[in-house]
PDB file of N, CA and C in Angstrom:
ATOM      1  N   MET A   1      10.131 -14.166 -60.894  1.00  0.00           N
ATOM      2  CA  MET A   1      10.039 -13.360 -59.399  1.00  0.00           C
ATOM      3  C   MET A   1       9.587 -14.029 -58.283  1.00  0.00           C
ATOM      4  N   ILE A   2       8.890 -15.355 -58.588  1.00  0.00           N
ATOM      5  CA  ILE A   2       8.842 -16.080 -57.206  1.00  0.00           C
ATOM      6  C   ILE A   2      10.058 -16.615 -56.763  1.00  0.00           C
ATOM      7  N   THR A   3      10.969 -16.896 -57.615  1.00  0.00           N
ATOM      8  CA  THR A   3      12.172 -17.355 -56.793  1.00  0.00           C
ATOM      9  C   THR A   3      13.310 -16.268 -56.388  1.00  0.00           C
ATOM     10  N   LEU A   4      13.053 -15.116 -57.274  1.00  0.00           N
ATOM     11  CA  LEU A   4      14.038 -13.965 -56.790  1.00  0.00           C
ATOM     12  C   LEU A   4      13.385 -13.287 -55.421  1.00  0.00           C
ATOM     13  N   ASP A   5      11.795 -13.149 -55.181  1.00  0.00           N
ATOM     14  CA  ASP A   5      11.711 -12.694 -53.936  1.00  0.00           C
ATOM     15  C   ASP A   5      10.509 -13.313 -53.472  1.00  0.00           C
ATOM     16  N   PRO A   6      10.757 -14.403 -52.725  1.00  0.00           N
ATOM     17  CA  PRO A   6       9.854 -14.720 -51.958  1.00  0.00           C
ATOM     18  C   PRO A   6       8.512 -14.302 -51.212  1.00  0.00           C
ATOM     19  N   ALA A   7       9.265 -13.015 -50.991  1.00  0.00           N
ATOM     20  CA  ALA A   7       7.912 -12.254 -50.250  1.00  0.00           C
ATOM     21  C   ALA A   7       6.795 -11.525 -51.265  1.00  0.00           C
ATOM     22  N   LEU A   8       6.960 -11.863 -52.577  1.00  0.00           N
ATOM     23  CA  LEU A   8       6.067 -11.409 -53.633  1.00  0.00           C
ATOM     24  C   LEU A   8       4.963 -12.250 -53.499  1.00  0.00           C
ATOM     25  N   HIS A   9       4.918 -13.579 -52.716  1.00  0.00           N
ATOM     26  CA  HIS A   9       3.644 -14.805 -52.916  1.00  0.00           C
ATOM     27  C   HIS A   9       3.437 -14.816 -51.538  1.00  0.00           C
ATOM     28  N   ARG A  10       2.474 -15.891 -51.488  1.00  0.00           N
ATOM     29  CA  ARG A  10       2.106 -16.391 -50.108  1.00  0.00           C
ATOM     30  C   ARG A  10       1.448 -17.785 -50.843  1.00  0.00           C
ATOM     31  N   PRO A  11       1.362 -18.587 -50.060  1.00  0.00           N
ATOM     32  CA  PRO A  11       0.650 -19.887 -50.668  1.00  0.00           C
ATOM     33  C   PRO A  11      -0.933 -19.333 -50.719  1.00  0.00           C
ATOM     34  N   GLY A  12      -1.661 -19.862 -51.503  1.00  0.00           N
ATOM     35  CA  GLY A  12      -2.952 -19.414 -51.125  1.00  0.00           C
ATOM     36  C   GLY A  12      -3.532 -18.621 -52.870  1.00  0.00           C
ATOM     37  N   GLN A  13      -2.555 -18.060 -52.807  1.00  0.00           N
ATOM     38  CA  GLN A  13      -2.283 -16.789 -53.940  1.00  0.00           C
ATOM     39  C   GLN A  13      -3.120 -17.123 -55.354  1.00  0.00           C
ATOM     40  N   THR A  14      -3.484 -16.536 -56.177  1.00  0.00           N
ATOM     41  CA  THR A  14      -4.025 -17.037 -57.488  1.00  0.00           C
ATOM     42  C   THR A  14      -3.628 -16.092 -58.245  1.00  0.00           C
ATOM     43  N   LEU A  15      -2.937 -16.612 -59.334  1.00  0.00           N
ATOM     44  CA  LEU A  15      -2.520 -15.581 -60.341  1.00  0.00           C
ATOM     45  C   LEU A  15      -3.251 -15.841 -61.875  1.00  0.00           C
ATOM     46  N   MET A  16      -3.646 -14.644 -62.243  1.00  0.00           N
ATOM     47  CA  MET A  16      -4.569 -14.789 -63.507  1.00  0.00           C
ATOM     48  C   MET A  16      -3.485 -14.335 -64.774  1.00  0.00           C
ATOM     49  N   ALA A  17      -3.511 -15.107 -65.907  1.00  0.00           N
ATOM     50  CA  ALA A  17      -2.705 -14.827 -66.785  1.00  0.00           C
ATOM     51  C   ALA A  17      -3.111 -15.124 -68.104  1.00  0.00           C
ATOM     52  N   ASP A  18      -2.702 -14.861 -69.330  1.00  0.00           N
ATOM     53  CA  ASP A  18      -3.243 -14.970 -70.467  1.00  0.00           C
ATOM     54  C   ASP A  18      -2.486 -16.568 -71.288  1.00  0.00           C
ATOM     55  N   LYS A  19      -2.820 -16.634 -72.460  1.00  0.00           N
ATOM     56  CA  LYS A  19      -2.327 -18.018 -73.059  1.00  0.00           C
ATOM     57  C   LYS A  19      -0.906 -17.893 -72.906  1.00  0.00           C
ATOM     58  N   GLY A  20       0.124 -16.921 -72.820  1.00  0.00           N
ATOM     59  CA  GLY A  20       1.416 -16.929 -73.328  1.00  0.00           C
ATOM     60  C   GLY A  20       1.687 -17.681 -71.926  1.00  0.00           C
ATOM     61  N   TYR A  21       1.280 -17.699 -70.896  1.00  0.00           N
ATOM     62  CA  TYR A  21       1.800 -18.180 -69.783  1.00  0.00           C
ATOM     63  C   TYR A  21       1.398 -20.197 -69.425  1.00  0.00           C
ATOM     64  N   ARG A  22       1.891 -20.924 -70.311  1.00  0.00           N
ATOM     65  CA  ARG A  22       1.369 -22.102 -70.528  1.00  0.00           C
ATOM     66  C   ARG A  22       2.427 -23.143 -70.435  1.00  0.00           C
ATOM     67  N   ARG A  23       3.460 -22.830 -70.257  1.00  0.00           N
ATOM     68  CA  ARG A  23       4.799 -24.230 -70.077  1.00  0.00           C
ATOM     69  C   ARG A  23       4.375 -24.856 -68.609  1.00  0.00           C
ATOM     70  N   ALA A  24       4.339 -25.942 -69.032  1.00  0.00           N
ATOM     71  CA  ALA A  24       4.078 -26.771 -68.046  1.00  0.00           C
ATOM     72  C   ALA A  24       5.005 -26.766 -66.820  1.00  0.00           C
ATOM     73  N   SER A  25       6.259 -26.409 -67.051  1.00  0.00           N
ATOM     74  CA  SER A  25       7.126 -26.169 -65.747  1.00  0.00           C
ATOM     75  C   SER A  25       7.024 -24.825 -65.453  1.00  0.00           C
ATOM     76  N   PHE A  26       6.471 -24.016 -65.901  1.00  0.00           N
ATOM     77  CA  PHE A  26       5.626 -22.723 -65.145  1.00  0.00           C
ATOM     78  C   PHE A  26       4.972 -23.175 -64.178  1.00  0.00           C
ATOM     79  N   GLU A  27       3.629 -23.451 -64.887  1.00  0.00           N
ATOM     80  CA  GLU A  27       2.678 -24.193 -63.745  1.00  0.00           C
ATOM     81  C   GLU A  27       3.336 -24.806 -62.524  1.00  0.00           C
ATOM     82  N   THR A  28       4.122 -25.758 -62.615  1.00  0.00           N
ATOM     83  CA  THR A  28       4.451 -26.676 -61.584  1.00  0.00           C
ATOM     84  C   THR A  28       5.172 -25.733 -60.743  1.00  0.00           C
ATOM     85  N   THR A  29       6.266 -24.916 -61.171  1.00  0.00           N
ATOM     86  CA  THR A  29       6.826 -24.177 -60.113  1.00  0.00           C
ATOM     87  C   THR A  29       5.527 -23.051 -59.371  1.00  0.00           C
ATOM     88  N   LEU A  30       4.434 -22.672 -59.875  1.00  0.00           N
ATOM     89  CA  LEU A  30       3.579 -22.248 -59.567  1.00  0.00           C
ATOM     90  C   LEU A  30       2.921 -22.871 -58.186  1.00  0.00           C
ATOM     91  N   ASN A  31       2.618 -24.256 -58.935  1.00  0.00           N
ATOM     92  CA  ASN A  31       2.102 -25.052 -57.796  1.00  0.00           C
ATOM     93  C   ASN A  31       2.828 -25.614 -56.579  1.00  0.00           C
ATOM     94  N   ASN A  32       4.093 -25.722 -56.753  1.00  0.00           N
ATOM     95  CA  ASN A  32       5.169 -26.123 -55.729  1.00  0.00           C
ATOM     96  C   ASN A  32       4.860 -25.003 -54.715  1.00  0.00           C
ATOM     97  N   ALA A  33       4.967 -23.620 -55.086  1.00  0.00           N
ATOM     98  CA  ALA A  33       4.848 -22.321 -54.446  1.00  0.00           C
ATOM     99  C   ALA A  33       3.444 -21.889 -53.573  1.00  0.00           C
ATOM    100  N   GLY A  34       2.462 -23.123 -53.955  1.00  0.00           N
ATOM    101  CA  GLY A  34       1.460 -22.735 -53.600  1.00  0.00           C
ATOM    102  C   GLY A  34       0.351 -21.910 -54.204  1.00  0.00           C
ATOM    103  N   ILE A  35       0.584 -21.583 -55.746  1.00  0.00           N
ATOM    104  CA  ILE A  35       0.071 -20.502 -56.278  1.00  0.00           C
ATOM    105  C   ILE A  35      -1.025 -21.313 -57.277  1.00  0.00           C
ATOM    106  N   THR A  36      -2.008 -20.543 -57.377  1.00  0.00           N
ATOM    107  CA  THR A  36      -2.928 -21.249 -58.384  1.00  0.00           C
ATOM    108  C   THR A  36      -3.062 -20.821 -59.698  1.00  0.00           C
ATOM    109  N   LEU A  37      -2.882 -21.021 -60.752  1.00  0.00           N
ATOM    110  CA  LEU A  37      -2.639 -20.542 -62.177  1.00  0.00           C
ATOM    111  C   LEU A  37      -3.959 -20.315 -62.718  1.00  0.00           C
ATOM    112  N   ILE A  38      -4.496 -19.153 -63.123  1.00  0.00           N
ATOM    113  CA  ILE A  38      -5.996 -19.053 -64.136  1.00  0.00           C
ATOM    114  C   ILE A  38      -5.636 -18.652 -65.387  1.00  0.00           C
ATOM    115  N   ARG A  39      -5.736 -19.191 -66.436  1.00  0.00           N
ATOM    116  CA  ARG A  39      -5.293 -18.900 -67.745  1.00  0.00           C
ATOM    117  C   ARG A  39      -6.259 -19.765 -68.809  1.00  0.00           C
ATOM    118  N   PRO A  40      -6.568 -18.936 -69.718  1.00  0.00           N
ATOM    119  CA  PRO A  40      -7.679 -19.686 -70.908  1.00  0.00           C
ATOM    120  C   PRO A  40      -7.029 -20.982 -71.486  1.00  0.00           C
ATOM    121  N   PRO A  41      -7.840 -21.752 -71.564  1.00  0.00           N
ATOM    122  CA  PRO A  41      -7.273 -23.409 -71.966  1.00  0.00           C
ATOM    123  C   PRO A  41      -6.793 -23.178 -73.646  1.00  0.00           C
ATOM    124  N   LEU A  42      -6.171 -23.961 -74.189  1.00  0.00           N
ATOM    125  CA  LEU A  42      -5.713 -23.850 -75.422  1.00  0.00           C
ATOM    126  C   LEU A  42      -6.737 -24.582 -76.107  1.00  0.00           C
ATOM    127  N   ARG A  43      -6.725 -24.795 -77.383  1.00  0.00           N
ATOM    128  CA  ARG A  43      -7.706 -25.305 -78.282  1.00  0.00           C
ATOM    129  C   ARG A  43      -7.603 -26.857 -77.980  1.00  0.00           C
ATOM    130  N   ASN A  44      -6.663 -27.370 -77.402  1.00  0.00           N
ATOM    131  CA  ASN A  44      -6.447 -28.998 -77.330  1.00  0.00           C
ATOM    132  C   ASN A  44      -6.632 -29.360 -75.965  1.00  0.00           C
ATOM    133  N   GLU A  45      -6.893 -28.180 -75.069  1.00  0.00           N
ATOM    134  CA  GLU A  45      -6.753 -28.717 -73.594  1.00  0.00           C
ATOM    135  C   GLU A  45      -8.349 -28.757 -73.084  1.00  0.00           C
ATOM    136  N   ALA A  46      -8.741 -29.549 -71.952  1.00  0.00           N
ATOM    137  CA  ALA A  46      -9.634 -29.725 -71.218  1.00  0.00           C
ATOM    138  C   ALA A  46     -10.097 -28.180 -70.833  1.00  0.00           C
ATOM    139  N   PRO A  47     -11.898 -27.747 -70.281  1.00  0.00           N
ATOM    140  CA  PRO A  47     -11.795 -26.413 -69.509  1.00  0.00           C
ATOM    141  C   PRO A  47     -10.870 -26.286 -68.251  1.00  0.00           C
ATOM    142  N   ARG A  48     -10.534 -25.222 -67.974  1.00  0.00           N
ATOM    143  CA  ARG A  48      -9.493 -25.235 -66.634  1.00  0.00           C
ATOM    144  C   ARG A  48     -10.304 -24.560 -65.427  1.00  0.00           C
ATOM    145  N   PRO A  49      -9.953 -24.755 -64.291  1.00  0.00           N
ATOM    146  CA  PRO A  49     -10.922 -24.147 -63.200  1.00  0.00           C
ATOM    147  C   PRO A  49     -10.452 -22.804 -63.287  1.00  0.00           C
ATOM    148  N   GLY A  50     -11.504 -22.090 -62.618  1.00  0.00           N
ATOM    149  CA  GLY A  50     -11.137 -20.731 -62.747  1.00  0.00           C
ATOM    150  C   GLY A  50     -11.490 -19.732 -63.950  1.00  0.00           C
ATOM    151  N   GLN A  51     -11.886 -20.507 -64.989  1.00  0.00           N
ATOM    152  CA  GLN A  51     -12.034 -19.949 -66.395  1.00  0.00           C
ATOM    153  C   GLN A  51     -13.192 -18.860 -66.465  1.00  0.00           C
ATOM    154  N   ARG A  52     -13.962 -18.854 -65.623  1.00  0.00           N
ATOM    155  CA  ARG A  52     -15.197 -17.893 -65.598  1.00  0.00           C
ATOM    156  C   ARG A  52     -14.787 -16.445 -65.166  1.00  0.00           C
ATOM    157  N   PHE A  53     -13.567 -16.701 -64.563  1.00  0.00           N
ATOM    158  CA  PHE A  53     -13.622 -15.364 -63.900  1.00  0.00           C
ATOM    159  C   PHE A  53     -12.424 -14.391 -65.083  1.00  0.00           C
ATOM    160  N   LEU A  54     -12.219 -14.966 -65.966  1.00  0.00           N
ATOM    161  CA  LEU A  54     -11.057 -14.533 -66.977  1.00  0.00           C
ATOM    162  C   LEU A  54     -11.709 -13.356 -67.661  1.00  0.00           C
ATOM    163  N   ARG A  55     -12.967 -13.385 -68.407  1.00  0.00           N
ATOM    164  CA  ARG A  55     -13.813 -12.378 -69.337  1.00  0.00           C
ATOM    165  C   ARG A  55     -14.183 -11.393 -68.727  1.00  0.00           C
ATOM    166  N   PRO A  56     -14.924 -11.379 -67.447  1.00  0.00           N
ATOM    167  CA  PRO A  56     -15.141 -10.102 -66.584  1.00  0.00           C
ATOM    168  C   PRO A  56     -13.767  -9.127 -66.137  1.00  0.00           C
ATOM    169  N   PHE A  57     -12.674 -10.214 -65.965  1.00  0.00           N
ATOM    170  CA  PHE A  57     -11.828  -9.492 -65.398  1.00  0.00           C
ATOM    171  C   PHE A  57     -10.765  -8.895 -66.514  1.00  0.00           C
ATOM    172  N   ARG A  58     -10.956  -9.352 -67.530  1.00  0.00           N
ATOM    173  CA  ARG A  58     -10.391  -8.706 -68.846  1.00  0.00           C
ATOM    174  C   ARG A  58     -10.999  -7.516 -68.916  1.00  0.00           C
ATOM    175  N   GLN A  59     -12.119  -7.774 -68.887  1.00  0.00           N
ATOM    176  CA  GLN A  59     -13.005  -6.444 -69.448  1.00  0.00           C
ATOM    177  C   GLN A  59     -12.542  -5.327 -68.412  1.00  0.00           C
ATOM    178  N   ILE A  60     -12.111  -5.560 -67.423  1.00  0.00           N
ATOM    179  CA  ILE A  60     -11.838  -4.333 -66.119  1.00  0.00           C
ATOM    180  C   ILE A  60     -10.385  -3.896 -66.696  1.00  0.00           C
ATOM    181  N   ILE A  61      -9.589  -4.746 -67.027  1.00  0.00           N
ATOM    182  CA  ILE A  61      -8.264  -4.063 -67.550  1.00  0.00           C
ATOM    183  C   ILE A  61      -8.388  -3.473 -68.897  1.00  0.00           C
ATOM    184  N   GLU A  62      -9.236  -3.845 -69.629  1.00  0.00           N
ATOM    185  CA  GLU A  62      -9.033  -3.186 -70.885  1.00  0.00           C
ATOM    186  C   GLU A  62      -9.848  -1.936 -70.528  1.00  0.00           C
ATOM    187  N   SER A  63     -10.884  -1.462 -69.740  1.00  0.00           N
ATOM    188  CA  SER A  63     -11.405  -0.361 -69.281  1.00  0.00           C
ATOM    189  C   SER A  63     -10.444   0.390 -68.714  1.00  0.00           C
ATOM    190  N   VAL A  64      -9.650  -0.080 -67.851  1.00  0.00           N
ATOM    191  CA  VAL A  64      -8.849   0.777 -67.218  1.00  0.00           C
ATOM    192  C   VAL A  64      -7.616   1.419 -68.011  1.00  0.00           C
ATOM    193  N   ASN A  65      -6.958   0.341 -68.879  1.00  0.00           N
ATOM    194  CA  ASN A  65      -6.285   0.626 -70.065  1.00  0.00           C
ATOM    195  C   ASN A  65      -6.510   1.831 -70.792  1.00  0.00           C
ATOM    196  N   GLN A  66      -7.979   1.670 -71.348  1.00  0.00           N
ATOM    197  CA  GLN A  66      -8.498   2.871 -72.319  1.00  0.00           C
ATOM    198  C   GLN A  66      -8.522   4.149 -71.443  1.00  0.00           C
ATOM    199  N   THR A  67      -9.039   3.885 -70.132  1.00  0.00           N
ATOM    200  CA  THR A  67      -9.230   5.449 -69.447  1.00  0.00           C
ATOM    201  C   THR A  67      -7.458   5.759 -69.257  1.00  0.00           C
ATOM    202  N   LEU A  68      -6.648   5.127 -69.059  1.00  0.00           N
ATOM    203  CA  LEU A  68      -5.098   5.822 -68.815  1.00  0.00           C
ATOM    204  C   LEU A  68      -4.695   6.104 -70.333  1.00  0.00           C
ATOM    205  N   LYS A  69      -4.915   5.472 -71.557  1.00  0.00           N
ATOM    206  CA  LYS A  69      -4.584   5.832 -72.423  1.00  0.00           C
ATOM    207  C   LYS A  69      -5.428   6.963 -73.133  1.00  0.00           C
ATOM    208  N   ALA A  70      -6.654   7.102 -72.959  1.00  0.00           N
ATOM    209  CA  ALA A  70      -7.657   8.186 -73.747  1.00  0.00           C
ATOM    210  C   ALA A  70      -7.728   9.349 -72.896  1.00  0.00           C
ATOM    211  N   GLN A  71      -8.416   9.420 -71.283  1.00  0.00           N
ATOM    212  CA  GLN A  71      -8.470  10.128 -70.616  1.00  0.00           C
ATOM    213  C   GLN A  71      -7.547  11.353 -70.120  1.00  0.00           C
ATOM    214  N   LEU A  72      -6.459  10.226 -69.664  1.00  0.00           N
ATOM    215  CA  LEU A  72      -4.988  10.592 -69.023  1.00  0.00           C
ATOM    216  C   LEU A  72      -4.215  10.689 -70.006  1.00  0.00           C
ATOM    217  N   ASP A  73      -4.186  10.587 -71.308  1.00  0.00           N
ATOM    218  CA  ASP A  73      -3.245  10.695 -72.447  1.00  0.00           C
ATOM    219  C   ASP A  73      -2.027  10.256 -72.039  1.00  0.00           C
ATOM    220  N   LEU A  74      -1.698   9.129 -71.290  1.00  0.00           N
ATOM    221  CA  LEU A  74      -0.554   8.703 -70.770  1.00  0.00           C
ATOM    222  C   LEU A  74       0.527   7.957 -72.101  1.00  0.00           C
ATOM    223  N   GLU A  75       0.067   8.201 -73.170  1.00  0.00           N
ATOM    224  CA  GLU A  75       0.698   7.451 -74.468  1.00  0.00           C
ATOM    225  C   GLU A  75       1.517   8.816 -74.545  1.00  0.00           C
ATOM    226  N   ARG A  76       1.224   9.714 -73.828  1.00  0.00           N
ATOM    227  CA  ARG A  76       2.364  10.923 -74.413  1.00  0.00           C
ATOM    228  C   ARG A  76       2.384  11.923 -73.260  1.00  0.00           C
ATOM    229  N   HIS A  77       3.178  11.096 -72.414  1.00  0.00           N
ATOM    230  CA  HIS A  77       3.277  11.595 -70.942  1.00  0.00           C
ATOM    231  C   HIS A  77       4.136  13.017 -70.744  1.00  0.00           C
ATOM    232  N   GLY A  78       5.159  12.814 -71.680  1.00  0.00           N
ATOM    233  CA  GLY A  78       6.271  13.736 -71.879  1.00  0.00           C
ATOM    234  C   GLY A  78       7.494  13.615 -70.848  1.00  0.00           C
ATOM    235  N   GLY A  79       7.405  12.773 -70.215  1.00  0.00           N
ATOM    236  CA  GLY A  79       8.515  12.479 -69.038  1.00  0.00           C
ATOM    237  C   GLY A  79       9.873  11.994 -69.928  1.00  0.00           C
ATOM    238  N   ARG A  80      11.067  12.582 -69.497  1.00  0.00           N
ATOM    239  CA  ARG A  80      12.143  12.304 -70.227  1.00  0.00           C
ATOM    240  C   ARG A  80      13.236  11.120 -69.451  1.00  0.00           C
ATOM    241  N   THR A  81      12.714  10.998 -68.021  1.00  0.00           N
ATOM    242  CA  THR A  81      13.574  10.241 -67.198  1.00  0.00           C
ATOM    243  C   THR A  81      12.594   9.305 -66.269  1.00  0.00           C
ATOM    244  N   LYS A  82      13.172   8.326 -65.891  1.00  0.00           N
ATOM    245  CA  LYS A  82      12.167   7.304 -65.272  1.00  0.00           C
ATOM    246  C   LYS A  82      11.399   7.887 -63.992  1.00  0.00           C
ATOM    247  N   PRO A  83      12.156   8.776 -63.213  1.00  0.00           N
ATOM    248  CA  PRO A  83      11.337   9.782 -62.253  1.00  0.00           C
ATOM    249  C   PRO A  83      10.550  10.492 -63.022  1.00  0.00           C
ATOM    250  N   GLY A  84      10.740  11.278 -64.132  1.00  0.00           N
ATOM    251  CA  GLY A  84       9.692  12.278 -64.657  1.00  0.00           C
ATOM    252  C   GLY A  84       8.516  11.446 -65.134  1.00  0.00           C
ATOM    253  N   VAL A  85       8.711  10.361 -65.873  1.00  0.00           N
ATOM    254  CA  VAL A  85       7.321   9.517 -66.099  1.00  0.00           C
ATOM    255  C   VAL A  85       6.727   9.051 -65.164  1.00  0.00           C
ATOM    256  N   CYS A  86       7.441   8.444 -63.985  1.00  0.00           N
ATOM    257  CA  CYS A  86       6.446   7.917 -62.579  1.00  0.00           C
ATOM    258  C   CYS A  86       5.966   9.399 -62.153  1.00  0.00           C
ATOM    259  N   ALA A  87       6.586  10.478 -62.340  1.00  0.00           N
ATOM    260  CA  ALA A  87       5.625  11.828 -61.632  1.00  0.00           C
ATOM    261  C   ALA A  87       4.526  11.859 -62.357  1.00  0.00           C
ATOM    262  N   ARG A  88       4.843  12.019 -63.653  1.00  0.00           N
ATOM    263  CA  ARG A  88       3.549  12.423 -64.725  1.00  0.00           C
ATOM    264  C   ARG A  88       2.730  11.526 -64.748  1.00  0.00           C
ATOM    265  N   VAL A  89       2.995  10.126 -64.386  1.00  0.00           N
ATOM    266  CA  VAL A  89       1.957   8.947 -64.707  1.00  0.00           C
ATOM    267  C   VAL A  89       1.010   9.438 -62.923  1.00  0.00           C
ATOM    268  N   LEU A  90       1.599   9.357 -62.094  1.00  0.00           N
ATOM    269  CA  LEU A  90       1.389   9.366 -60.593  1.00  0.00           C
ATOM    270  C   LEU A  90       0.356  10.713 -60.699  1.00  0.00           C
ATOM    271  N   GLN A  91       0.764  11.697 -61.042  1.00  0.00           N
ATOM    272  CA  GLN A  91       0.074  12.956 -61.316  1.00  0.00           C
ATOM    273  C   GLN A  91      -1.254  12.599 -61.849  1.00  0.00           C
ATOM    274  N   ARG A  92      -1.189  12.254 -63.089  1.00  0.00           N
ATOM    275  CA  ARG A  92      -2.673  11.906 -63.604  1.00  0.00           C
ATOM    276  C   ARG A  92      -3.361  11.070 -62.834  1.00  0.00           C
ATOM    277  N   LEU A  93      -3.044   9.759 -62.276  1.00  0.00           N
ATOM    278  CA  LEU A  93      -3.935   9.125 -61.509  1.00  0.00           C
ATOM    279  C   LEU A  93      -4.364   9.753 -60.273  1.00  0.00           C
ATOM    280  N   LEU A  94      -3.437  10.429 -59.580  1.00  0.00           N
ATOM    281  CA  LEU A  94      -4.097  11.632 -58.358  1.00  0.00           C
ATOM    282  C   LEU A  94      -5.356  11.991 -58.836  1.00  0.00           C
ATOM    283  N   ALA A  95      -4.841  12.807 -60.072  1.00  0.00           N
ATOM    284  CA  ALA A  95      -6.139  13.861 -60.603  1.00  0.00           C
ATOM    285  C   ALA A  95      -7.210  13.097 -60.658  1.00  0.00           C
ATOM    286  N   LEU A  96      -7.249  11.704 -61.435  1.00  0.00           N
ATOM    287  CA  LEU A  96      -8.393  10.911 -61.957  1.00  0.00           C
ATOM    288  C   LEU A  96      -9.261  10.742 -60.522  1.00  0.00           C
ATOM    289  N   THR A  97      -8.276   9.947 -59.623  1.00  0.00           N
ATOM    290  CA  THR A  97      -8.737   9.618 -58.329  1.00  0.00           C
ATOM    291  C   THR A  97      -9.444  10.797 -57.461  1.00  0.00           C
ATOM    292  N   THR A  98      -9.088  12.012 -57.702  1.00  0.00           N
ATOM    293  CA  THR A  98      -9.481  13.235 -57.291  1.00  0.00           C
ATOM    294  C   THR A  98     -10.993  13.461 -57.743  1.00  0.00           C
ATOM    295  N   ALA A  99     -11.102  13.524 -59.132  1.00  0.00           N
ATOM    296  CA  ALA A  99     -12.020  13.473 -59.834  1.00  0.00           C
ATOM    297  C   ALA A  99     -13.484  12.692 -59.496  1.00  0.00           C
ATOM    298  N   ILE A 100     -12.905  11.657 -59.500  1.00  0.00           N
ATOM    299  CA  ILE A 100     -13.945  10.585 -58.955  1.00  0.00           C
ATOM    300  C   ILE A 100     -14.358  10.655 -57.526  1.00  0.00           C
ATOM    301  N   TRP A 101     -13.387  10.982 -56.475  1.00  0.00           N
ATOM    302  CA  TRP A 101     -14.039  11.216 -55.247  1.00  0.00           C
ATOM    303  C   TRP A 101     -15.147  12.548 -55.347  1.00  0.00           C
ATOM    304  N   HIS A 102     -14.485  13.386 -56.092  1.00  0.00           N
ATOM    305  CA  HIS A 102     -15.322  14.361 -56.090  1.00  0.00           C
ATOM    306  C   HIS A 102     -16.524  14.397 -56.818  1.00  0.00           C
ATOM    307  N   ASN A 103     -16.853  13.572 -57.917  1.00  0.00           N
ATOM    308  CA  ASN A 103     -18.036  13.193 -58.536  1.00  0.00           C
ATOM    309  C   ASN A 103     -18.861  12.284 -57.764  1.00  0.00           C
ATOM    310  N   GLU A 104     -18.395  11.304 -57.017  1.00  0.00           N
ATOM    311  CA  GLU A 104     -19.228  10.638 -55.961  1.00  0.00           C
ATOM    312  C   GLU A 104     -19.642  11.688 -54.719  1.00  0.00           C
ATOM    313  N   THR A 105     -18.826  12.197 -54.239  1.00  0.00           N
ATOM    314  CA  THR A 105     -19.276  12.590 -53.116  1.00  0.00           C
ATOM    315  C   THR A 105     -20.291  13.868 -53.212  1.00  0.00           C
ATOM    316  N   THR A 106     -20.177  14.645 -54.438  1.00  0.00           N
ATOM    317  CA  THR A 106     -21.228  15.578 -54.960  1.00  0.00           C
ATOM    318  C   THR A 106     -22.401  15.187 -55.702  1.00  0.00           C
ATOM    319  N   ASN A 107     -22.395  13.690 -55.962  1.00  0.00           N
ATOM    320  CA  ASN A 107     -23.299  12.957 -56.695  1.00  0.00           C
ATOM    321  C   ASN A 107     -23.729  13.633 -57.937  1.00  0.00           C
ATOM    322  N   GLN A 108     -22.334  14.024 -58.663  1.00  0.00           N
ATOM    323  CA  GLN A 108     -22.466  14.275 -60.177  1.00  0.00           C
ATOM    324  C   GLN A 108     -23.224  13.529 -61.069  1.00  0.00           C
ATOM    325  N   PRO A 109     -23.766  14.124 -62.010  1.00  0.00           N
ATOM    326  CA  PRO A 109     -24.782  13.243 -63.064  1.00  0.00           C
ATOM    327  C   PRO A 109     -23.613  12.475 -63.849  1.00  0.00           C
ATOM    328  N   GLY A 110     -23.519  11.499 -64.393  1.00  0.00           N
ATOM    329  CA  GLY A 110     -23.047  10.467 -65.799  1.00  0.00           C
ATOM    330  C   GLY A 110     -21.746   9.504 -64.533  1.00  0.00           C
ATOM    331  N   PRO A 111     -21.093   9.204 -65.189  1.00  0.00           N
ATOM    332  CA  PRO A 111     -19.910   8.127 -64.420  1.00  0.00           C
ATOM    333  C   PRO A 111     -19.016   8.602 -63.761  1.00  0.00           C
ATOM    334  N   ALA A 112     -18.838   8.100 -62.838  1.00  0.00           N
ATOM    335  CA  ALA A 112     -18.065   8.789 -61.449  1.00  0.00           C
ATOM    336  C   ALA A 112     -16.328   9.182 -62.105  1.00  0.00           C
ATOM    337  N   ARG A 113     -15.947   8.460 -63.100  1.00  0.00           N
ATOM    338  CA  ARG A 113     -14.842   8.558 -63.908  1.00  0.00           C
ATOM    339  C   ARG A 113     -14.624   9.269 -64.770  1.00  0.00           C
ATOM    340  N   SER A 114     -15.965  10.086 -64.941  1.00  0.00           N
ATOM    341  CA  SER A 114     -15.634  11.073 -66.501  1.00  0.00           C
ATOM    342  C   SER A 114     -14.859  12.024 -65.971  1.00  0.00           C
ATOM    343  N   LEU A 115     -14.203  12.491 -66.821  1.00  0.00           N
ATOM    344  CA  LEU A 115     -13.174  14.041 -66.325  1.00  0.00           C
ATOM    345  C   LEU A 115     -13.609  14.774 -67.441  1.00  0.00           C
ATOM    346  N   THR A 116     -14.985  14.780 -68.129  1.00  0.00           N
ATOM    347  CA  THR A 116     -15.452  15.674 -69.249  1.00  0.00           C
ATOM    348  C   THR A 116     -15.628  17.021 -68.735  1.00  0.00           C
ATOM    349  N   ALA A 117     -16.156  17.131 -67.612  1.00  0.00           N
ATOM    350  CA  ALA A 117     -16.305  18.637 -67.152  1.00  0.00           C
ATOM    351  C   ALA A 117     -15.284  19.345 -66.606  1.00  0.00           C
ATOM    352  N   TYR A 118     -14.058  18.743 -66.290  1.00  0.00           N
ATOM    353  CA  TYR A 118     -12.759  19.089 -66.154  1.00  0.00           C
ATOM    354  C   TYR A 118     -11.816  19.571 -67.203  1.00  0.00           C
ATOM    355  N   ASP A 119     -12.200  19.095 -68.770  1.00  0.00           N
ATOM    356  CA  ASP A 119     -11.390  19.280 -69.411  1.00  0.00           C
ATOM    357  C   ASP A 119     -11.673  20.513 -70.371  1.00  0.00           C
ATOM    358  N   HIS A 120     -10.422  21.405 -70.221  1.00  0.00           N
ATOM    359  CA  HIS A 120     -10.621  22.547 -70.560  1.00  0.00           C
ATOM    360  C   HIS A 120      -9.706  22.894 -71.763  1.00  0.00           C
TER     361      HIS A 120
END
């Protein structure tokens, strides 16, 4: 993506990735573009810079994925075409965003992202 569309990155950017992005050529390409790669070290590697950011960030990603799958039922979206899938995913994200806004604005008890009160 970096070579296909240079507008997708700018020097000084940081990319977080998992262990699958460990090829030296990939990291060299990123370094040449001015992008810092943060990924977990392999067993035989020394600790890598920025490694401390991975665990909390991973927790956020897993939490968002769980919300999308469980609360928004995105695994069974019912879309039959790409535009249909996009519309259904976006409508559910908009509904969750609206619920969070409402819960925070009206000081509802419990977590702001909870949709339990709206589940009928």
